[in-house]
């Protein structure tokens, strides 16, 4: 399951883990004008961890999901 919310400075997609236990914490993806952040609460550390991706990195990740093992460089627009 996921939700989509449009806030003042970002669109936020929240991914909710469903199914058999053990379930993982929700993942929040914040889409800003210049970057994307991925956040997830870590109960072992009692803090929210954040990774920031540029749109180029996000595009590379999207391409990597459908490619075999190897090293790649996508042409930049």
C-alpha atoms as a PDB file:
ATOM      1  CA  UNK A   1       0.000   0.000   0.000  1.00  0.00           C
ATOM      2  CA  UNK A   2       1.150   3.556  -0.567  1.00  0.00           C
ATOM      3  CA  UNK A   3      -0.093   7.089  -0.133  1.00  0.00           C
ATOM      4  CA  UNK A   4       0.643  10.278  -2.089  1.00  0.00           C
ATOM      5  CA  UNK A   5       0.405  13.749  -0.537  1.00  0.00           C
ATOM      6  CA  UNK A   6       1.226  17.107  -2.089  1.00  0.00           C
ATOM      7  CA  UNK A   7       2.682  19.547   0.422  1.00  0.00           C
ATOM      8  CA  UNK A   8       3.924  23.116   0.041  1.00  0.00           C
ATOM      9  CA  UNK A   9       7.515  22.270  -0.943  1.00  0.00           C
ATOM     10  CA  UNK A  10       7.385  18.562  -1.847  1.00  0.00           C
ATOM     11  CA  UNK A  11       5.298  15.618  -2.950  1.00  0.00           C
ATOM     12  CA  UNK A  12       5.479  12.786  -0.436  1.00  0.00           C
ATOM     13  CA  UNK A  13       5.000   9.105  -1.277  1.00  0.00           C
ATOM     14  CA  UNK A  14       4.757   6.784   1.733  1.00  0.00           C
ATOM     15  CA  UNK A  15       5.248   3.037   1.218  1.00  0.00           C
ATOM     16  CA  UNK A  16       3.523   0.883   3.837  1.00  0.00           C
ATOM     17  CA  UNK A  17       4.727  -2.710   4.294  1.00  0.00           C
ATOM     18  CA  UNK A  18       1.798  -5.144   4.237  1.00  0.00           C
ATOM     19  CA  UNK A  19       1.621  -8.887   4.579  1.00  0.00           C
ATOM     20  CA  UNK A  20       3.087 -11.483   6.892  1.00  0.00           C
ATOM     21  CA  UNK A  21       5.194 -10.400   9.871  1.00  0.00           C
ATOM     22  CA  UNK A  22       7.868  -9.283  10.394  1.00  0.00           C
ATOM     23  CA  UNK A  23       6.924  -6.016   8.746  1.00  0.00           C
ATOM     24  CA  UNK A  24       9.362  -3.201   7.974  1.00  0.00           C
ATOM     25  CA  UNK A  25       8.852   0.434   8.967  1.00  0.00           C
ATOM     26  CA  UNK A  26       7.137   2.785   6.492  1.00  0.00           C
ATOM     27  CA  UNK A  27       9.350   4.399   3.845  1.00  0.00           C
ATOM     28  CA  UNK A  28       8.726   8.084   3.038  1.00  0.00           C
ATOM     29  CA  UNK A  29       9.935   9.418  -0.319  1.00  0.00           C
ATOM     30  CA  UNK A  30      10.025  13.228  -0.469  1.00  0.00           C
ATOM     31  CA  UNK A  31      10.233  14.691  -3.975  1.00  0.00           C
ATOM     32  CA  UNK A  32      11.566  18.249  -3.995  1.00  0.00           C
ATOM     33  CA  UNK A  33      12.477  20.542  -6.920  1.00  0.00           C
ATOM     34  CA  UNK A  34      16.170  19.578  -6.795  1.00  0.00           C
ATOM     35  CA  UNK A  35      16.412  16.176  -5.076  1.00  0.00           C
ATOM     36  CA  UNK A  36      14.604  13.172  -3.641  1.00  0.00           C
ATOM     37  CA  UNK A  37      14.966  11.970  -0.060  1.00  0.00           C
ATOM     38  CA  UNK A  38      14.170   8.479   1.190  1.00  0.00           C
ATOM     39  CA  UNK A  39      13.471   8.181   4.923  1.00  0.00           C
ATOM     40  CA  UNK A  40      12.803   5.224   7.201  1.00  0.00           C
ATOM     41  CA  UNK A  41      12.600   4.998  10.987  1.00  0.00           C
ATOM     42  CA  UNK A  42      15.181   2.637  12.538  1.00  0.00           C
ATOM     43  CA  UNK A  43      13.795   1.319  15.848  1.00  0.00           C
ATOM     44  CA  UNK A  44      17.199  -0.097  16.861  1.00  0.00           C
ATOM     45  CA  UNK A  45      18.748   3.382  16.761  1.00  0.00           C
ATOM     46  CA  UNK A  46      15.514   5.215  17.603  1.00  0.00           C
ATOM     47  CA  UNK A  47      16.041   7.660  14.740  1.00  0.00           C
ATOM     48  CA  UNK A  48      14.930   8.292  11.188  1.00  0.00           C
ATOM     49  CA  UNK A  49      17.580   7.567   8.566  1.00  0.00           C
ATOM     50  CA  UNK A  50      17.667   9.704   5.411  1.00  0.00           C
ATOM     51  CA  UNK A  51      19.290   9.217   2.004  1.00  0.00           C
ATOM     52  CA  UNK A  52      19.327  12.117  -0.490  1.00  0.00           C
ATOM     53  CA  UNK A  53      19.446  11.378  -4.226  1.00  0.00           C
ATOM     54  CA  UNK A  54      19.873  13.746  -7.141  1.00  0.00           C
ATOM     55  CA  UNK A  55      17.503  13.249 -10.063  1.00  0.00           C
ATOM     56  CA  UNK A  56      20.439  11.781 -12.046  1.00  0.00           C
ATOM     57  CA  UNK A  57      20.994   9.195  -9.309  1.00  0.00           C
ATOM     58  CA  UNK A  58      17.277   8.416  -9.241  1.00  0.00           C
ATOM     59  CA  UNK A  59      17.257   7.929 -13.015  1.00  0.00           C
ATOM     60  CA  UNK A  60      20.283   5.611 -12.745  1.00  0.00           C
ATOM     61  CA  UNK A  61      18.545   3.610 -10.012  1.00  0.00           C
ATOM     62  CA  UNK A  62      15.465   3.231 -12.190  1.00  0.00           C
ATOM     63  CA  UNK A  63      17.600   1.932 -15.075  1.00  0.00           C
ATOM     64  CA  UNK A  64      19.588  -0.391 -12.776  1.00  0.00           C
ATOM     65  CA  UNK A  65      16.445  -2.223 -11.699  1.00  0.00           C
ATOM     66  CA  UNK A  66      16.161  -3.729 -15.199  1.00  0.00           C
ATOM     67  CA  UNK A  67      19.817  -4.392 -16.102  1.00  0.00           C
ATOM     68  CA  UNK A  68      22.119  -7.361 -15.450  1.00  0.00           C
ATOM     69  CA  UNK A  69      25.257  -7.141 -13.310  1.00  0.00           C
ATOM     70  CA  UNK A  70      27.866  -4.745 -14.726  1.00  0.00           C
ATOM     71  CA  UNK A  71      29.015  -1.138 -14.899  1.00  0.00           C
ATOM     72  CA  UNK A  72      26.994   1.354 -16.894  1.00  0.00           C
ATOM     73  CA  UNK A  73      26.932   5.046 -17.789  1.00  0.00           C
ATOM     74  CA  UNK A  74      23.693   6.458 -19.147  1.00  0.00           C
ATOM     75  CA  UNK A  75      23.816   9.431 -21.524  1.00  0.00           C
ATOM     76  CA  UNK A  76      22.902  12.699 -19.795  1.00  0.00           C
ATOM     77  CA  UNK A  77      20.183  14.886 -21.280  1.00  0.00           C
END
